Every structure is written in C-alpha cells, then in structure tokens.
Amino acid sequence: MLSRTADHLLWMARYIERAENTARMLDVNCQTGMLPISAAQAEQGWEGLLSICELLPAYRRQHDDIRPGHIIQFMAADADNPSSIIACIQASRENARAVRGQLTTEVWETYNQTWIEAQALLQTDILEDDPSRFFEWVKDRSHLARGVMLGTMLMDQSLWFLRLGTFLERADNTARLLDVKFHARDNEFHVSDLVDQEELDFYHWSAILRSVSAFEVYRKVYRDVIRPDRVAELLMLRPDMPRSLLASMDEVLTNLDRIGARTLSSPSRRLAGRIQSELQYGEIHDILETGLHNYLTRFLERIHELGQVITDEFLY
C-alpha cells in the first residue's frame, strides 16, 4: 500500500473518533455543570476542558470570558477550530474522499452523509436548545461508521490502518477525559448545602462513566457504590472495557502486528509494547499513590510520540 494512502486511512479513522470523543467530553461537562456547584467552580471545569484539549489559547483569542455556550459553539461548530466536531467530521470525510477506491460504497456514503447532515444540524438552534441531542447524534454516526467499516470492508491493510487510527485516538481521548475530570474533582467540588458529599460524588462519577458508555459496565463489574479509584481502574487497566487505555493499546499492538510491525526491530512495536505492558501489569493503587495526573500526562506524551514513530516508520 502507498504510504499516502495509509496516512489518509489512519487519519480518516482518527478524525471521526476525535469528533465522537469531543462530543463525549462536552456532554459530560454539560451534565456535571448541572450539579449544585458555584459559578466559579463550573467555570473552572469548562476552563479545564479547554486546557486538556490544548484549546485554551485559541479560545481566548476569540472570547474574553469562560461561558458554556461559547465553549460548546467553539468546540462543536467552529470550522476555524481544527479540533472542533464539525472540523473533524469534515477532515474525516476529505480523507475518505482521497482514498475512495480503498473503501466500500457503504463506508464512503456513511462518511459523506455524516458531513452533509452535520452541516444541516448546525444550521438549526440545536446547540442552544438541546446540545446533548447533537452530541448523541455525533456518537451514533461514529458508531455507524465503525460498524459499516467492520461489516463491509475486506480484512486487509486498509482495514488495519483504519483500526490503528481508531484506537490511537481513543487511547489519547480517554486519557484526556480522565485527566480533566479527576483534576476537576480534586480541585473544584465541595459539599453543597443542598446535597451531601456522597450524593454529589455519585452524580459526578456517574456522569463520567456515562460519557464513555461505562455506567452499566461498572455496575456489572464491581456491583458496589461508585468509587473514584474503581472508575480509574475501569477506564485504565481493564482489558475487557472497550474504551479503557489497556483495551485500546491491546488493539494498537494487534493492528501494528497485522501491518507488519511484528518484530522487536520495529520502533513503533517496541514503544507500543512498553506502553501496553505498563498498563497490563500496573495496579491502580500504585498509580494513584504516585499521582494520576502525572501518569496520564506522561501517557499522553508517549501516545503522541507513538503516533510520530508510526508516521516515520510507515507513512513517510
């Protein structure tokens, strides 16, 4: 396969996954913003979301203050923001168009239709009236894209590069979501006169679990009250949780092997193996004792490095 074709396929999958994860992060912030917290604490949460997505300077260039409506518009509908949902959907569609010959008709039509419908939806007042409905639509379209891809494409290098892009992006975004919400919980939320701490914790962690479709999974695995350490363990170290860091890295390794990085002489295989091994043999209490924020920051740096190594090894 030509390297530029592989590059388009990888980024086609990364961008649609990024759109979905941005929708998930915005949705969980909308939900936690409805908890009984002060305006200053809510503002801190939204500012933390911009910071973890590395969008705060770009947002500040357009807006003087932190307002949920402005942030939702900026991260969902601003075409000039390359990380916005609409920009990611457009980029995924353009990458799909560039490799139209590698895709089935069903895959191409799904990506193209998603772009057309996204533009039409954002011409309405959906972000002002019911942003959660738009975020659910984005998640549904991303699920559809993955399902059509798995159900119709030949199991060859094209599919494996698509899967590689999906799980690289998922690992990055799950780590970002965990980092911003755990950091927010440690620094923002205090007991309200209207609700006790246990109830506040329940709604906060429930919103985080629901943002990654893990609320029912948590109940099935732990059968207990929602605890921060178990939320972190579920979303980091469980190989059977589809959006966890370990499950994502397992998939990255599997698809690297499929495209030819089967030996230890492969730089991408070595780096991915080290990241995966730390998660596979790690224990959550050790991670929490040494500092979750530091661990996740280092993880994000290594995922970025892995993306660069894969680019150097296979795409240039």
Protein backbone atom coordinates (compact mmCIF):
# COMPACT_ATOMS: atom_id res chain seq x y z
CA MET A 1 0.00 0.00 0.00
CA LEU A 2 1.22 3.53 -0.79
CA SER A 3 2.22 5.43 2.33
CA ARG A 4 -0.02 8.39 1.49
CA THR A 5 -3.00 6.02 1.18
CA ALA A 6 -2.23 4.53 4.59
CA ASP A 7 -1.89 8.04 6.01
CA HIS A 8 -5.34 9.05 4.71
CA LEU A 9 -6.92 5.88 6.12
CA LEU A 10 -5.34 6.31 9.53
CA TRP A 11 -6.43 9.95 9.83
CA MET A 12 -9.86 9.26 8.39
CA ALA A 13 -10.47 6.96 11.40
CA ARG A 14 -8.72 9.25 13.89
CA TYR A 15 -10.82 12.27 12.97
CA ILE A 16 -14.20 10.54 13.27
CA GLU A 17 -13.11 9.06 16.61
CA ARG A 18 -11.94 12.52 17.73
CA ALA A 19 -15.32 14.00 16.83
CA GLU A 20 -17.04 11.36 18.95
CA ASN A 21 -14.74 11.87 21.92
CA THR A 22 -15.08 15.65 21.78
CA ALA A 23 -18.84 15.14 21.88
CA ARG A 24 -18.44 12.85 24.90
CA MET A 25 -16.28 15.38 26.79
CA LEU A 26 -18.67 18.24 26.07
CA ASP A 27 -21.65 16.14 27.11
CA VAL A 28 -20.13 15.14 30.46
CA ASN A 29 -19.26 18.78 31.18
CA CYS A 30 -22.85 19.78 30.45
CA GLN A 31 -24.04 17.10 32.87
CA THR A 32 -21.63 17.92 35.69
CA GLY A 33 -22.38 21.63 35.17
CA MET A 34 -25.92 20.93 36.40
CA LEU A 35 -24.64 19.78 39.80
CA PRO A 36 -25.11 22.20 42.74
CA ILE A 37 -21.74 23.95 42.46
CA SER A 38 -20.82 27.62 42.35
CA ALA A 39 -20.41 29.59 39.13
CA ALA A 40 -16.66 29.87 39.79
CA GLN A 41 -16.32 26.10 40.16
CA ALA A 42 -18.34 25.50 37.00
CA GLU A 43 -16.12 27.97 35.13
CA GLN A 44 -13.04 26.11 36.35
CA GLY A 45 -14.44 22.89 34.94
CA TRP A 46 -15.02 24.39 31.49
CA GLU A 47 -11.59 26.03 31.52
CA GLY A 48 -10.05 22.69 32.46
CA LEU A 49 -11.77 21.08 29.46
CA LEU A 50 -10.24 23.65 27.12
CA SER A 51 -6.83 23.21 28.73
CA ILE A 52 -6.74 19.43 28.48
CA CYS A 53 -7.74 19.67 24.81
CA GLU A 54 -5.00 22.30 24.31
CA LEU A 55 -7.58 24.81 23.07
CA LEU A 56 -7.48 27.49 25.77
CA PRO A 57 -5.18 29.95 23.89
CA ALA A 58 -7.25 29.63 20.70
CA TYR A 59 -10.47 30.16 22.67
CA ARG A 60 -9.02 33.19 24.46
CA ARG A 61 -8.23 34.80 21.13
CA GLN A 62 -11.97 34.79 20.34
CA HIS A 63 -13.61 35.24 23.74
CA ASP A 64 -12.76 37.23 26.87
CA ASP A 65 -14.66 35.09 29.36
CA ILE A 66 -15.46 31.44 30.00
CA ARG A 67 -19.07 30.72 29.06
CA PRO A 68 -20.51 27.24 28.43
CA GLY A 69 -22.43 28.41 25.36
CA HIS A 70 -19.33 29.94 23.80
CA ILE A 71 -17.25 26.85 24.54
CA ILE A 72 -19.83 24.47 23.09
CA GLN A 73 -20.04 26.60 19.95
CA PHE A 74 -16.25 26.80 19.70
CA MET A 75 -15.66 23.06 20.22
CA ALA A 76 -18.62 21.83 18.21
CA ALA A 77 -19.40 24.20 15.36
CA ASP A 78 -16.39 26.48 14.77
CA ALA A 79 -14.92 25.40 11.42
CA ASP A 80 -11.83 27.55 12.09
CA ASN A 81 -11.02 25.41 15.13
CA PRO A 82 -9.33 22.29 13.65
CA SER A 83 -10.28 20.26 16.73
CA SER A 84 -13.98 21.12 16.64
CA ILE A 85 -16.54 18.42 15.92
CA ILE A 86 -17.53 19.88 12.57
CA ALA A 87 -13.89 20.31 11.50
CA CYS A 88 -13.11 16.71 12.47
CA ILE A 89 -16.12 15.39 10.56
CA GLN A 90 -15.07 17.40 7.51
CA ALA A 91 -11.46 16.20 7.78
CA SER A 92 -12.55 12.56 8.09
CA ARG A 93 -14.76 12.95 5.02
CA GLU A 94 -11.97 14.58 2.99
CA ASN A 95 -9.55 11.80 3.91
CA ALA A 96 -12.18 9.24 2.92
CA ARG A 97 -12.66 11.00 -0.42
CA ALA A 98 -8.91 10.86 -1.05
CA VAL A 99 -8.93 7.05 -0.69
CA ARG A 100 -12.37 6.41 -2.15
CA GLY A 101 -11.03 3.43 -4.13
CA GLN A 102 -9.95 1.65 -0.92
CA LEU A 103 -13.40 1.90 0.68
CA THR A 104 -16.67 0.12 0.07
CA THR A 105 -19.59 2.17 -1.19
CA GLU A 106 -21.31 1.81 2.19
CA VAL A 107 -18.33 3.25 4.09
CA TRP A 108 -17.96 6.22 1.75
CA GLU A 109 -21.67 7.00 1.83
CA THR A 110 -21.69 6.87 5.64
CA TYR A 111 -18.87 9.41 5.94
CA ASN A 112 -20.27 11.63 3.22
CA GLN A 113 -23.79 11.58 4.68
CA THR A 114 -22.42 12.36 8.15
CA TRP A 115 -20.78 15.51 6.77
CA ILE A 116 -23.95 16.59 4.96
CA GLU A 117 -26.19 16.00 7.99
CA ALA A 118 -23.76 17.71 10.39
CA GLN A 119 -23.85 20.91 8.35
CA ALA A 120 -27.64 20.82 8.24
CA LEU A 121 -27.96 20.21 12.00
CA LEU A 122 -25.65 23.09 12.88
CA GLN A 123 -27.78 25.44 10.76
CA THR A 124 -30.53 24.90 13.35
CA ASP A 125 -30.59 26.01 17.01
CA ILE A 126 -29.72 22.55 18.31
CA LEU A 127 -26.61 23.69 20.23
CA GLU A 128 -28.62 26.33 22.08
CA ASP A 129 -31.80 24.30 22.59
CA ASP A 130 -30.52 20.78 23.21
CA PRO A 131 -26.76 20.26 22.82
CA SER A 132 -26.93 16.76 24.29
CA ARG A 133 -29.10 15.66 21.35
CA PHE A 134 -26.39 16.82 18.94
CA PHE A 135 -23.70 15.03 20.95
CA GLU A 136 -25.74 11.81 20.87
CA TRP A 137 -26.11 12.18 17.11
CA VAL A 138 -22.32 12.50 16.72
CA LYS A 139 -21.77 9.36 18.80
CA ASP A 140 -24.36 7.45 16.79
CA ARG A 141 -22.73 8.43 13.48
CA SER A 142 -19.31 7.38 14.75
CA HIS A 143 -20.71 4.03 15.87
CA LEU A 144 -22.35 3.60 12.47
CA ALA A 145 -19.09 4.41 10.66
CA ARG A 146 -17.18 1.77 12.63
CA GLY A 147 -19.91 -0.82 12.20
CA VAL A 148 -20.16 -0.32 8.44
CA MET A 149 -16.38 -0.42 8.17
CA LEU A 150 -16.14 -3.74 10.04
CA GLY A 151 -19.15 -5.22 8.32
CA THR A 152 -18.31 -4.46 4.70
CA MET A 153 -14.56 -4.00 4.22
CA LEU A 154 -12.06 -6.66 3.24
CA MET A 155 -9.84 -7.66 6.18
CA ASP A 156 -6.63 -6.34 4.69
CA GLN A 157 -4.20 -3.48 5.30
CA SER A 158 -6.82 -0.82 4.62
CA LEU A 159 -8.97 -2.04 7.49
CA TRP A 160 -5.99 -2.48 9.79
CA PHE A 161 -4.78 1.09 9.29
CA LEU A 162 -8.32 2.32 9.97
CA ARG A 163 -8.42 0.29 13.20
CA LEU A 164 -4.98 1.51 14.20
CA GLY A 165 -6.08 5.12 13.83
CA THR A 166 -9.28 4.49 15.79
CA PHE A 167 -7.54 3.06 18.84
CA LEU A 168 -4.63 5.50 18.88
CA GLU A 169 -7.17 8.31 19.05
CA ARG A 170 -9.33 6.51 21.61
CA ALA A 171 -6.40 5.97 23.98
CA ASP A 172 -5.48 9.65 23.73
CA ASN A 173 -9.01 10.88 24.36
CA THR A 174 -9.84 8.52 27.24
CA ALA A 175 -6.69 9.69 28.99
CA ARG A 176 -7.66 13.33 28.43
CA LEU A 177 -11.16 12.79 29.77
CA LEU A 178 -9.85 11.03 32.88
CA ASP A 179 -7.25 13.70 33.49
CA VAL A 180 -9.60 16.68 33.21
CA LYS A 181 -12.40 15.14 35.29
CA PHE A 182 -10.21 13.73 38.09
CA HIS A 183 -8.32 17.01 38.25
CA ALA A 184 -11.61 18.89 38.37
CA ARG A 185 -12.95 16.62 41.13
CA ASP A 186 -9.87 17.16 43.27
CA ASN A 187 -9.83 20.92 42.88
CA GLU A 188 -13.37 22.15 42.33
CA PHE A 189 -16.13 20.29 44.04
CA HIS A 190 -17.08 20.90 47.63
CA VAL A 191 -20.05 19.85 49.72
CA SER A 192 -23.11 21.94 48.96
CA ASP A 193 -25.78 22.97 51.43
CA LEU A 194 -28.27 21.30 49.09
CA VAL A 195 -26.69 17.90 48.76
CA ASP A 196 -24.33 15.74 50.81
CA GLN A 197 -20.90 14.67 49.60
CA GLU A 198 -21.92 11.09 48.86
CA GLU A 199 -24.75 12.18 46.60
CA LEU A 200 -22.56 14.74 44.84
CA ASP A 201 -19.89 12.11 44.22
CA PHE A 202 -22.47 9.72 42.80
CA TYR A 203 -23.71 12.22 40.20
CA HIS A 204 -20.18 13.34 39.29
CA TRP A 205 -18.76 9.87 38.73
CA SER A 206 -21.97 8.64 37.09
CA ALA A 207 -21.68 11.43 34.52
CA ILE A 208 -18.08 10.45 33.77
CA LEU A 209 -18.99 6.77 33.37
CA ARG A 210 -21.95 7.58 31.15
CA SER A 211 -19.73 9.78 28.98
CA VAL A 212 -17.77 6.67 27.95
CA SER A 213 -20.81 4.34 27.95
CA ALA A 214 -19.45 2.58 31.05
CA PHE A 215 -22.12 3.08 33.73
CA GLU A 216 -23.77 -0.33 33.25
CA VAL A 217 -20.35 -1.95 32.79
CA TYR A 218 -19.20 -0.53 36.15
CA ARG A 219 -22.28 -1.93 37.89
CA LYS A 220 -21.72 -5.33 36.32
CA VAL A 221 -18.01 -5.49 37.18
CA TYR A 222 -17.95 -4.01 40.70
CA ARG A 223 -21.56 -4.37 41.98
CA ASP A 224 -20.87 -1.63 44.53
CA VAL A 225 -21.05 2.11 45.07
CA ILE A 226 -19.17 4.22 42.54
CA ARG A 227 -15.66 4.97 43.82
CA PRO A 228 -13.03 7.15 42.11
CA ASP A 229 -10.29 4.51 42.31
CA ARG A 230 -12.52 1.93 40.65
CA VAL A 231 -13.58 4.40 37.95
CA ALA A 232 -9.89 4.98 37.21
CA GLU A 233 -9.17 1.24 37.22
CA LEU A 234 -12.08 0.51 34.88
CA LEU A 235 -11.09 3.19 32.38
CA MET A 236 -7.36 2.50 32.53
CA LEU A 237 -6.49 -1.10 33.40
CA ARG A 238 -9.45 -3.32 32.45
CA PRO A 239 -8.73 -5.20 29.18
CA ASP A 240 -12.44 -6.04 28.80
CA MET A 241 -13.65 -2.42 28.96
CA PRO A 242 -13.84 -1.29 25.27
CA ARG A 243 -12.75 2.32 25.86
CA SER A 244 -10.08 1.67 28.51
CA LEU A 245 -6.44 2.60 27.95
CA LEU A 246 -5.35 -1.05 28.13
CA ALA A 247 -8.01 -2.28 25.68
CA SER A 248 -7.05 0.50 23.26
CA MET A 249 -3.35 -0.35 23.49
CA ASP A 250 -4.10 -4.06 23.00
CA GLU A 251 -5.83 -3.14 19.73
CA VAL A 252 -2.97 -0.84 18.70
CA LEU A 253 -0.49 -3.70 19.17
CA THR A 254 -2.71 -6.18 17.32
CA ASN A 255 -3.06 -3.91 14.31
CA LEU A 256 0.63 -2.97 14.28
CA ASP A 257 1.38 -6.69 14.03
CA ARG A 258 -1.09 -7.02 11.15
CA ILE A 259 0.51 -4.25 9.10
CA GLY A 260 3.96 -5.75 9.50
CA ALA A 261 5.48 -4.49 12.78
CA ARG A 262 5.81 -7.98 14.22
CA THR A 263 9.44 -7.88 15.36
CA LEU A 264 11.22 -6.05 18.15
CA SER A 265 13.25 -4.24 15.48
CA SER A 266 10.13 -2.18 14.76
CA PRO A 267 10.34 1.13 16.69
CA SER A 268 6.58 1.50 16.84
CA ARG A 269 6.13 -2.09 18.08
CA ARG A 270 8.70 -1.59 20.84
CA LEU A 271 7.20 1.67 22.07
CA ALA A 272 3.62 0.40 21.91
CA GLY A 273 4.67 -2.76 23.75
CA ARG A 274 6.24 -0.74 26.59
CA ILE A 275 3.12 1.41 26.98
CA GLN A 276 0.85 -1.64 26.90
CA SER A 277 3.00 -3.59 29.41
CA GLU A 278 2.86 -0.79 31.99
CA LEU A 279 -0.93 -0.84 31.79
CA GLN A 280 -1.22 -4.64 31.70
CA TYR A 281 0.90 -5.17 34.82
CA GLY A 282 0.06 -1.92 36.60
CA GLU A 283 -2.06 -1.64 39.74
CA ILE A 284 -4.36 1.29 40.35
CA HIS A 285 -3.28 1.97 43.94
CA ASP A 286 0.35 2.35 42.78
CA ILE A 287 -0.72 4.77 40.04
CA LEU A 288 -2.84 6.82 42.44
CA GLU A 289 -0.06 6.95 45.04
CA THR A 290 2.46 8.29 42.54
CA GLY A 291 -0.07 10.76 41.07
CA LEU A 292 -2.74 10.12 38.48
CA HIS A 293 -2.25 13.48 36.74
CA ASN A 294 1.48 12.84 36.25
CA TYR A 295 0.81 9.32 34.97
CA LEU A 296 -1.80 10.47 32.45
CA THR A 297 0.34 13.41 31.31
CA ARG A 298 3.21 11.02 30.62
CA PHE A 299 0.83 8.60 28.89
CA LEU A 300 -0.40 11.36 26.57
CA GLU A 301 3.17 12.35 25.74
CA ARG A 302 4.02 8.74 24.86
CA ILE A 303 0.89 8.30 22.73
CA HIS A 304 1.86 11.44 20.81
CA GLU A 305 5.38 10.01 20.42
CA LEU A 306 3.93 6.69 19.23
CA GLY A 307 1.89 8.49 16.59
CA GLN A 308 5.06 10.19 15.34
CA VAL A 309 7.00 6.91 15.31
CA ILE A 310 4.24 5.17 13.33
CA THR A 311 4.24 8.07 10.87
CA ASP A 312 8.02 7.83 10.42
CA GLU A 313 8.00 4.04 10.08
CA PHE A 314 5.00 3.51 7.80
CA LEU A 315 3.65 6.75 6.38
CA TYR A 316 6.70 8.73 5.19
